Amino acid sequence: MKFNLLFVLLITTLGFVGCSGDDEECNLMVNIPTSFNQTVFQDNIATIENYLSANGLTAQKTASGLYYIINEEGSLAKPELCDDVSVAYRGYLVNGTTFDSSNGEPITFPLTGVIFGWQEGIQLFGKEGNGVLLIPSYLAYGNSSPSPLIPGNSALIFDVTLDNF
């Protein structure tokens, strides 16, 4: 897709965090949105866990509900929330439908300008690390549909490689 959904990610993110370069501000953890539907939340978690089981995958889960798999950790240094990052990625639904891709080429953007699932998940990788982020809808777009390919309340999966930060 020429019009990368990452642009939409940057524009329609659930929230922005201002950074002044202060290390304390850059180390803030993602806050879980307080207004989400509990039934949708449970459905998303079940969908992600069923996907993992059906594909023989083992993931770790953060306190926010983000699931992640680190295939290669990369360097010991990891990006902070206030960093610009360069990421190659493919985004898809649990049914395998790809809704966006960087086509193997890294795209650079401020980490504060994307969905919560990316803000938290990308910080788990070191430079040149790669893996999978499995993001419940409340850490993505909630009940919004930013694209005809992404229904509202969708759990999203991203294969990511952190190229640089």
N, C-alpha and C. Protein backbone atom coordinates (compact mmCIF):
# COMPACT_ATOMS: atom_id res chain seq x y z
N MET A 1 0.84 -1.18 0.00
CA MET A 1 0.00 0.00 0.00
C MET A 1 0.88 1.23 0.00
N LYS A 2 0.68 2.11 -0.95
CA LYS A 2 1.46 3.33 -1.01
C LYS A 2 1.13 4.25 0.15
N PHE A 3 -0.15 4.39 0.44
CA PHE A 3 -0.57 5.23 1.57
C PHE A 3 -0.48 4.35 2.81
N ASN A 4 0.65 4.39 3.46
CA ASN A 4 0.87 3.52 4.60
C ASN A 4 -0.08 3.82 5.74
N LEU A 5 -0.60 2.77 6.31
CA LEU A 5 -1.48 2.91 7.46
C LEU A 5 -0.70 3.50 8.63
N LEU A 6 0.64 3.41 8.59
CA LEU A 6 1.42 4.01 9.66
C LEU A 6 1.10 5.49 9.76
N PHE A 7 0.85 6.14 8.63
CA PHE A 7 0.44 7.54 8.66
C PHE A 7 -0.84 7.68 9.46
N VAL A 8 -1.78 6.76 9.24
CA VAL A 8 -3.03 6.78 9.99
C VAL A 8 -2.73 6.50 11.46
N LEU A 9 -1.80 5.58 11.73
CA LEU A 9 -1.41 5.31 13.12
C LEU A 9 -0.92 6.59 13.78
N LEU A 10 -0.14 7.36 13.04
CA LEU A 10 0.41 8.59 13.60
C LEU A 10 -0.68 9.63 13.85
N ILE A 11 -1.64 9.70 12.95
CA ILE A 11 -2.68 10.72 13.04
C ILE A 11 -3.77 10.35 14.04
N THR A 12 -4.15 9.08 14.08
CA THR A 12 -5.32 8.70 14.87
C THR A 12 -4.98 7.97 16.16
N THR A 13 -3.78 8.11 16.62
CA THR A 13 -3.40 7.43 17.85
C THR A 13 -4.34 7.81 18.99
N LEU A 14 -4.48 6.91 19.94
CA LEU A 14 -5.38 7.15 21.06
C LEU A 14 -4.91 8.28 21.97
N GLY A 15 -3.65 8.58 21.95
CA GLY A 15 -3.16 9.65 22.80
C GLY A 15 -1.72 9.96 22.48
N PHE A 16 -1.34 11.16 22.80
CA PHE A 16 0.02 11.59 22.58
C PHE A 16 0.65 11.89 23.93
N VAL A 17 1.95 11.68 24.02
CA VAL A 17 2.69 11.99 25.23
C VAL A 17 3.71 13.05 24.88
N GLY A 18 3.70 14.15 25.61
CA GLY A 18 4.68 15.20 25.35
C GLY A 18 5.99 14.86 26.02
N CYS A 19 7.09 15.06 25.31
CA CYS A 19 8.40 14.78 25.87
C CYS A 19 9.25 16.03 25.79
N SER A 20 9.90 16.31 26.87
CA SER A 20 10.75 17.49 26.90
C SER A 20 12.22 17.10 26.89
N GLY A 21 12.50 15.82 26.69
CA GLY A 21 13.87 15.36 26.76
C GLY A 21 14.25 14.94 28.17
N ASP A 22 13.40 15.16 29.12
CA ASP A 22 13.60 14.77 30.51
C ASP A 22 13.50 13.25 30.59
N ASP A 23 14.57 12.61 31.11
CA ASP A 23 14.59 11.15 31.17
C ASP A 23 13.40 10.56 31.91
N GLU A 24 12.96 11.23 32.97
CA GLU A 24 11.84 10.71 33.75
C GLU A 24 10.58 10.64 32.90
N GLU A 25 10.32 11.69 32.12
CA GLU A 25 9.13 11.68 31.25
C GLU A 25 9.24 10.61 30.19
N CYS A 26 10.44 10.37 29.68
CA CYS A 26 10.62 9.39 28.61
C CYS A 26 10.48 7.96 29.10
N ASN A 27 10.54 7.75 30.37
CA ASN A 27 10.41 6.40 30.91
C ASN A 27 9.02 6.08 31.41
N LEU A 28 8.06 6.97 31.14
CA LEU A 28 6.69 6.73 31.57
C LEU A 28 6.15 5.47 30.91
N MET A 29 5.40 4.70 31.63
CA MET A 29 4.75 3.53 31.06
C MET A 29 3.44 3.95 30.43
N VAL A 30 3.00 3.16 29.50
CA VAL A 30 1.73 3.41 28.83
C VAL A 30 0.60 3.23 29.84
N ASN A 31 -0.32 4.17 29.85
CA ASN A 31 -1.50 4.05 30.70
C ASN A 31 -2.60 3.34 29.94
N ILE A 32 -3.19 2.35 30.56
CA ILE A 32 -4.30 1.64 29.94
C ILE A 32 -5.51 2.56 29.91
N PRO A 33 -6.14 2.70 28.75
CA PRO A 33 -7.35 3.52 28.71
C PRO A 33 -8.38 2.99 29.70
N THR A 34 -9.06 3.88 30.38
CA THR A 34 -10.02 3.46 31.39
C THR A 34 -11.40 3.20 30.81
N SER A 35 -11.67 3.69 29.62
CA SER A 35 -13.00 3.51 29.06
C SER A 35 -12.96 2.51 27.91
N PHE A 36 -13.08 1.23 28.24
CA PHE A 36 -13.20 0.21 27.22
C PHE A 36 -14.22 -0.81 27.67
N ASN A 37 -14.82 -1.45 26.70
CA ASN A 37 -15.87 -2.42 26.96
C ASN A 37 -15.27 -3.72 27.47
N GLN A 38 -15.68 -4.15 28.65
CA GLN A 38 -15.11 -5.35 29.27
C GLN A 38 -15.37 -6.60 28.43
N THR A 39 -16.52 -6.69 27.78
CA THR A 39 -16.83 -7.85 26.93
C THR A 39 -15.88 -7.89 25.74
N VAL A 40 -15.67 -6.74 25.12
CA VAL A 40 -14.74 -6.67 23.98
C VAL A 40 -13.34 -7.02 24.46
N PHE A 41 -12.96 -6.52 25.62
CA PHE A 41 -11.65 -6.83 26.19
C PHE A 41 -11.47 -8.34 26.32
N GLN A 42 -12.43 -9.01 26.92
CA GLN A 42 -12.35 -10.46 27.11
C GLN A 42 -12.33 -11.20 25.76
N ASP A 43 -13.13 -10.72 24.81
CA ASP A 43 -13.14 -11.32 23.47
C ASP A 43 -11.78 -11.17 22.79
N ASN A 44 -11.16 -10.00 22.92
CA ASN A 44 -9.85 -9.77 22.32
C ASN A 44 -8.80 -10.69 22.93
N ILE A 45 -8.81 -10.81 24.24
CA ILE A 45 -7.84 -11.68 24.91
C ILE A 45 -8.04 -13.12 24.46
N ALA A 46 -9.29 -13.58 24.40
CA ALA A 46 -9.57 -14.94 23.93
C ALA A 46 -9.13 -15.12 22.48
N THR A 47 -9.37 -14.12 21.65
CA THR A 47 -8.97 -14.19 20.24
C THR A 47 -7.45 -14.32 20.12
N ILE A 48 -6.72 -13.52 20.87
CA ILE A 48 -5.26 -13.57 20.83
C ILE A 48 -4.76 -14.91 21.35
N GLU A 49 -5.31 -15.36 22.47
CA GLU A 49 -4.86 -16.63 23.04
C GLU A 49 -5.20 -17.81 22.12
N ASN A 50 -6.35 -17.77 21.46
CA ASN A 50 -6.70 -18.81 20.49
C ASN A 50 -5.75 -18.79 19.29
N TYR A 51 -5.40 -17.60 18.83
CA TYR A 51 -4.46 -17.46 17.73
C TYR A 51 -3.11 -18.07 18.11
N LEU A 52 -2.63 -17.74 19.30
CA LEU A 52 -1.35 -18.28 19.76
C LEU A 52 -1.39 -19.80 19.82
N SER A 53 -2.45 -20.33 20.40
CA SER A 53 -2.60 -21.78 20.53
C SER A 53 -2.68 -22.46 19.17
N ALA A 54 -3.49 -21.93 18.29
CA ALA A 54 -3.68 -22.52 16.96
C ALA A 54 -2.40 -22.51 16.13
N ASN A 55 -1.51 -21.56 16.42
CA ASN A 55 -0.27 -21.45 15.67
C ASN A 55 0.95 -21.96 16.42
N GLY A 56 0.71 -22.59 17.58
CA GLY A 56 1.80 -23.16 18.35
C GLY A 56 2.80 -22.13 18.84
N LEU A 57 2.31 -20.94 19.17
CA LEU A 57 3.18 -19.85 19.61
C LEU A 57 3.07 -19.64 21.11
N THR A 58 4.16 -19.21 21.70
CA THR A 58 4.18 -18.85 23.11
C THR A 58 4.55 -17.38 23.21
N ALA A 59 3.72 -16.62 23.88
CA ALA A 59 3.96 -15.18 24.02
C ALA A 59 4.03 -14.81 25.49
N GLN A 60 4.66 -13.69 25.74
CA GLN A 60 4.63 -13.08 27.07
C GLN A 60 3.55 -12.01 27.05
N LYS A 61 3.07 -11.65 28.23
CA LYS A 61 2.00 -10.67 28.34
C LYS A 61 2.42 -9.60 29.33
N THR A 62 2.21 -8.34 28.96
CA THR A 62 2.52 -7.24 29.87
C THR A 62 1.31 -6.96 30.76
N ALA A 63 1.51 -6.11 31.75
CA ALA A 63 0.42 -5.75 32.66
C ALA A 63 -0.73 -5.06 31.92
N SER A 64 -0.44 -4.40 30.81
CA SER A 64 -1.48 -3.70 30.07
C SER A 64 -2.35 -4.65 29.24
N GLY A 65 -1.87 -5.87 29.01
CA GLY A 65 -2.60 -6.82 28.17
C GLY A 65 -1.97 -7.01 26.79
N LEU A 66 -0.85 -6.36 26.53
CA LEU A 66 -0.13 -6.54 25.28
C LEU A 66 0.58 -7.89 25.32
N TYR A 67 0.41 -8.67 24.26
CA TYR A 67 1.14 -9.93 24.11
C TYR A 67 2.30 -9.67 23.16
N TYR A 68 3.44 -10.32 23.43
CA TYR A 68 4.59 -10.12 22.55
C TYR A 68 5.46 -11.37 22.51
N ILE A 69 6.11 -11.53 21.37
CA ILE A 69 7.06 -12.61 21.16
C ILE A 69 8.34 -11.95 20.64
N ILE A 70 9.43 -12.20 21.31
CA ILE A 70 10.71 -11.67 20.85
C ILE A 70 11.46 -12.81 20.19
N ASN A 71 11.65 -12.68 18.88
CA ASN A 71 12.41 -13.69 18.14
C ASN A 71 13.90 -13.44 18.26
N GLU A 72 14.31 -12.19 18.13
CA GLU A 72 15.69 -11.76 18.33
C GLU A 72 15.66 -10.50 19.17
N GLU A 73 16.37 -10.51 20.30
CA GLU A 73 16.33 -9.37 21.21
C GLU A 73 16.99 -8.12 20.64
N GLY A 74 17.99 -8.28 19.81
CA GLY A 74 18.74 -7.13 19.33
C GLY A 74 19.71 -6.66 20.38
N SER A 75 20.17 -5.43 20.25
CA SER A 75 21.16 -4.88 21.19
C SER A 75 20.56 -4.72 22.58
N LEU A 76 21.43 -4.51 23.54
CA LEU A 76 20.96 -4.30 24.92
C LEU A 76 20.24 -2.97 25.08
N ALA A 77 20.68 -1.97 24.33
CA ALA A 77 20.02 -0.65 24.40
C ALA A 77 18.65 -0.76 23.75
N LYS A 78 17.66 -0.17 24.42
CA LYS A 78 16.29 -0.19 23.93
C LYS A 78 15.77 1.24 23.82
N PRO A 79 14.86 1.47 22.87
CA PRO A 79 14.34 2.83 22.72
C PRO A 79 13.48 3.23 23.91
N GLU A 80 13.38 4.52 24.10
CA GLU A 80 12.48 5.09 25.10
C GLU A 80 11.31 5.73 24.38
N LEU A 81 10.28 6.02 25.12
CA LEU A 81 9.06 6.58 24.56
C LEU A 81 9.30 7.84 23.75
N CYS A 82 10.28 8.65 24.11
CA CYS A 82 10.52 9.91 23.42
C CYS A 82 11.42 9.78 22.20
N ASP A 83 11.85 8.58 21.87
CA ASP A 83 12.74 8.39 20.72
C ASP A 83 11.98 8.32 19.41
N ASP A 84 12.68 8.69 18.36
CA ASP A 84 12.23 8.37 17.01
C ASP A 84 12.77 6.97 16.73
N VAL A 85 11.95 6.14 16.11
CA VAL A 85 12.36 4.77 15.83
C VAL A 85 12.19 4.48 14.34
N SER A 86 12.98 3.56 13.83
CA SER A 86 12.84 3.08 12.46
C SER A 86 12.45 1.62 12.53
N VAL A 87 11.28 1.30 11.98
CA VAL A 87 10.71 -0.03 12.12
C VAL A 87 10.23 -0.54 10.76
N ALA A 88 10.60 -1.77 10.44
CA ALA A 88 9.99 -2.48 9.31
C ALA A 88 8.89 -3.34 9.92
N TYR A 89 7.74 -3.41 9.30
CA TYR A 89 6.61 -4.10 9.92
C TYR A 89 5.63 -4.64 8.89
N ARG A 90 4.82 -5.56 9.37
CA ARG A 90 3.64 -6.02 8.63
C ARG A 90 2.53 -6.14 9.66
N GLY A 91 1.39 -5.51 9.40
CA GLY A 91 0.24 -5.56 10.29
C GLY A 91 -0.84 -6.42 9.67
N TYR A 92 -1.42 -7.31 10.49
CA TYR A 92 -2.46 -8.19 9.98
C TYR A 92 -3.44 -8.57 11.08
N LEU A 93 -4.58 -9.07 10.66
CA LEU A 93 -5.61 -9.54 11.58
C LEU A 93 -5.38 -11.00 11.89
N VAL A 94 -6.08 -11.53 12.89
CA VAL A 94 -5.90 -12.94 13.26
C VAL A 94 -6.30 -13.90 12.14
N ASN A 95 -7.12 -13.44 11.19
CA ASN A 95 -7.49 -14.29 10.05
C ASN A 95 -6.45 -14.26 8.94
N GLY A 96 -5.34 -13.51 9.17
CA GLY A 96 -4.26 -13.46 8.20
C GLY A 96 -4.32 -12.31 7.22
N THR A 97 -5.40 -11.54 7.22
CA THR A 97 -5.54 -10.42 6.30
C THR A 97 -4.53 -9.32 6.65
N THR A 98 -3.62 -9.04 5.72
CA THR A 98 -2.67 -7.96 5.91
C THR A 98 -3.37 -6.64 5.65
N PHE A 99 -3.27 -5.72 6.60
CA PHE A 99 -3.88 -4.40 6.42
C PHE A 99 -2.85 -3.32 6.18
N ASP A 100 -1.59 -3.60 6.45
CA ASP A 100 -0.55 -2.62 6.18
C ASP A 100 0.82 -3.29 6.26
N SER A 101 1.78 -2.68 5.58
CA SER A 101 3.14 -3.20 5.57
C SER A 101 4.08 -2.10 5.15
N SER A 102 5.29 -2.14 5.67
CA SER A 102 6.33 -1.22 5.20
C SER A 102 7.10 -1.85 4.05
N ASN A 103 6.64 -2.99 3.59
CA ASN A 103 7.27 -3.72 2.47
C ASN A 103 8.74 -4.01 2.74
N GLY A 104 9.05 -4.34 3.99
CA GLY A 104 10.41 -4.72 4.35
C GLY A 104 11.36 -3.56 4.56
N GLU A 105 10.91 -2.35 4.29
CA GLU A 105 11.75 -1.17 4.45
C GLU A 105 11.38 -0.45 5.74
N PRO A 106 12.36 -0.07 6.54
CA PRO A 106 12.05 0.65 7.78
C PRO A 106 11.43 2.02 7.51
N ILE A 107 10.50 2.39 8.37
CA ILE A 107 9.87 3.70 8.35
C ILE A 107 10.19 4.36 9.69
N THR A 108 10.56 5.62 9.65
CA THR A 108 10.95 6.33 10.87
C THR A 108 9.80 7.23 11.33
N PHE A 109 9.56 7.22 12.64
CA PHE A 109 8.48 8.00 13.23
C PHE A 109 8.74 8.18 14.72
N PRO A 110 8.12 9.19 15.34
CA PRO A 110 8.24 9.35 16.79
C PRO A 110 7.38 8.29 17.49
N LEU A 111 7.96 7.61 18.45
CA LEU A 111 7.23 6.56 19.16
C LEU A 111 6.00 7.11 19.88
N THR A 112 6.05 8.37 20.28
CA THR A 112 4.89 8.96 20.96
C THR A 112 3.69 9.14 20.05
N GLY A 113 3.88 9.01 18.74
CA GLY A 113 2.82 9.30 17.80
C GLY A 113 2.06 8.09 17.28
N VAL A 114 2.20 6.95 17.92
CA VAL A 114 1.51 5.74 17.45
C VAL A 114 0.63 5.16 18.54
N ILE A 115 -0.10 4.12 18.21
CA ILE A 115 -1.03 3.50 19.15
C ILE A 115 -0.29 2.99 20.39
N PHE A 116 -1.01 2.88 21.48
CA PHE A 116 -0.43 2.46 22.76
C PHE A 116 0.30 1.12 22.65
N GLY A 117 -0.25 0.17 21.91
CA GLY A 117 0.38 -1.14 21.77
C GLY A 117 1.78 -1.05 21.18
N TRP A 118 1.96 -0.11 20.25
CA TRP A 118 3.30 0.11 19.67
C TRP A 118 4.18 0.88 20.65
N GLN A 119 3.62 1.87 21.32
CA GLN A 119 4.42 2.64 22.28
C GLN A 119 5.05 1.72 23.31
N GLU A 120 4.28 0.80 23.81
CA GLU A 120 4.78 -0.14 24.81
C GLU A 120 5.63 -1.22 24.17
N GLY A 121 5.15 -1.81 23.09
CA GLY A 121 5.80 -2.98 22.50
C GLY A 121 7.14 -2.71 21.87
N ILE A 122 7.29 -1.62 21.15
CA ILE A 122 8.55 -1.33 20.48
C ILE A 122 9.68 -1.15 21.49
N GLN A 123 9.35 -0.67 22.69
CA GLN A 123 10.36 -0.49 23.73
C GLN A 123 10.91 -1.81 24.27
N LEU A 124 10.30 -2.93 23.90
CA LEU A 124 10.76 -4.24 24.36
C LEU A 124 11.89 -4.80 23.50
N PHE A 125 12.13 -4.17 22.34
CA PHE A 125 13.14 -4.65 21.42
C PHE A 125 14.39 -3.79 21.46
N GLY A 126 15.54 -4.43 21.29
CA GLY A 126 16.78 -3.70 21.09
C GLY A 126 16.97 -3.43 19.61
N LYS A 127 17.94 -2.60 19.29
CA LYS A 127 18.25 -2.30 17.89
C LYS A 127 18.49 -3.60 17.14
N GLU A 128 17.84 -3.73 15.99
CA GLU A 128 17.88 -4.90 15.12
C GLU A 128 17.18 -6.12 15.73
N GLY A 129 16.41 -5.90 16.77
CA GLY A 129 15.59 -6.98 17.34
C GLY A 129 14.32 -7.13 16.53
N ASN A 130 13.71 -8.30 16.63
CA ASN A 130 12.46 -8.50 15.90
C ASN A 130 11.56 -9.46 16.65
N GLY A 131 10.29 -9.42 16.31
CA GLY A 131 9.32 -10.29 16.94
C GLY A 131 7.91 -9.92 16.52
N VAL A 132 6.98 -10.25 17.39
CA VAL A 132 5.56 -10.09 17.09
C VAL A 132 4.88 -9.37 18.24
N LEU A 133 4.04 -8.39 17.90
CA LEU A 133 3.19 -7.73 18.87
C LEU A 133 1.76 -8.14 18.59
N LEU A 134 1.05 -8.62 19.60
CA LEU A 134 -0.36 -8.99 19.49
C LEU A 134 -1.13 -8.02 20.38
N ILE A 135 -1.89 -7.14 19.76
CA ILE A 135 -2.40 -5.97 20.44
C ILE A 135 -3.93 -6.01 20.54
N PRO A 136 -4.45 -6.06 21.77
CA PRO A 136 -5.91 -5.97 21.93
C PRO A 136 -6.40 -4.60 21.45
N SER A 137 -7.65 -4.54 21.04
CA SER A 137 -8.18 -3.31 20.43
C SER A 137 -8.09 -2.09 21.33
N TYR A 138 -8.20 -2.27 22.65
CA TYR A 138 -8.17 -1.10 23.52
C TYR A 138 -6.78 -0.47 23.59
N LEU A 139 -5.74 -1.19 23.12
CA LEU A 139 -4.40 -0.63 23.01
C LEU A 139 -4.09 -0.21 21.57
N ALA A 140 -5.13 -0.29 20.72
CA ALA A 140 -4.99 0.09 19.31
C ALA A 140 -6.03 1.16 18.98
N TYR A 141 -7.08 0.78 18.26
CA TYR A 141 -8.07 1.76 17.81
C TYR A 141 -9.41 1.66 18.52
N GLY A 142 -9.53 0.78 19.50
CA GLY A 142 -10.81 0.63 20.19
C GLY A 142 -11.89 0.22 19.21
N ASN A 143 -13.04 0.84 19.30
CA ASN A 143 -14.14 0.48 18.41
C ASN A 143 -14.11 1.25 17.09
N SER A 144 -13.08 2.08 16.90
CA SER A 144 -12.94 2.82 15.64
C SER A 144 -12.41 1.91 14.55
N SER A 145 -12.67 2.31 13.32
CA SER A 145 -12.18 1.59 12.15
C SER A 145 -11.36 2.56 11.32
N PRO A 146 -10.02 2.59 11.50
CA PRO A 146 -9.20 3.56 10.79
C PRO A 146 -9.03 3.25 9.31
N SER A 147 -9.48 2.07 8.89
CA SER A 147 -9.32 1.61 7.52
C SER A 147 -10.41 0.59 7.23
N PRO A 148 -10.85 0.48 5.98
CA PRO A 148 -11.85 -0.55 5.66
C PRO A 148 -11.34 -1.97 5.96
N LEU A 149 -10.02 -2.13 6.05
CA LEU A 149 -9.44 -3.45 6.32
C LEU A 149 -9.36 -3.78 7.81
N ILE A 150 -9.62 -2.79 8.68
CA ILE A 150 -9.55 -3.02 10.13
C ILE A 150 -10.92 -2.73 10.74
N PRO A 151 -11.68 -3.78 11.03
CA PRO A 151 -12.97 -3.56 11.71
C PRO A 151 -12.74 -3.02 13.12
N GLY A 152 -13.69 -2.27 13.63
CA GLY A 152 -13.63 -1.80 15.01
C GLY A 152 -13.51 -2.98 15.97
N ASN A 153 -12.88 -2.76 17.10
CA ASN A 153 -12.68 -3.76 18.15
C ASN A 153 -11.82 -4.94 17.71
N SER A 154 -10.94 -4.72 16.73
CA SER A 154 -10.08 -5.79 16.24
C SER A 154 -8.79 -5.89 17.03
N ALA A 155 -8.41 -7.12 17.37
CA ALA A 155 -7.07 -7.39 17.87
C ALA A 155 -6.15 -7.35 16.65
N LEU A 156 -5.00 -6.72 16.79
CA LEU A 156 -4.07 -6.55 15.68
C LEU A 156 -2.76 -7.29 15.97
N ILE A 157 -2.14 -7.78 14.90
CA ILE A 157 -0.86 -8.47 15.02
C ILE A 157 0.13 -7.75 14.13
N PHE A 158 1.33 -7.53 14.66
CA PHE A 158 2.38 -6.89 13.89
C PHE A 158 3.66 -7.71 14.00
N ASP A 159 4.23 -8.07 12.85
CA ASP A 159 5.59 -8.57 12.80
C ASP A 159 6.45 -7.32 12.69
N VAL A 160 7.40 -7.14 13.60
CA VAL A 160 8.20 -5.92 13.62
C VAL A 160 9.69 -6.23 13.71
N THR A 161 10.46 -5.38 13.08
CA THR A 161 11.91 -5.37 13.24
C THR A 161 12.29 -3.94 13.56
N LEU A 162 12.90 -3.74 14.70
CA LEU A 162 13.38 -2.42 15.09
C LEU A 162 14.73 -2.20 14.44
N ASP A 163 14.76 -1.39 13.42
CA ASP A 163 15.99 -1.15 12.67
C ASP A 163 16.95 -0.24 13.44
N ASN A 164 16.39 0.84 13.97
CA ASN A 164 17.24 1.83 14.63
C ASN A 164 16.39 2.75 15.50
N PHE A 165 17.07 3.48 16.37
CA PHE A 165 16.43 4.53 17.17
C PHE A 165 17.46 5.52 17.60
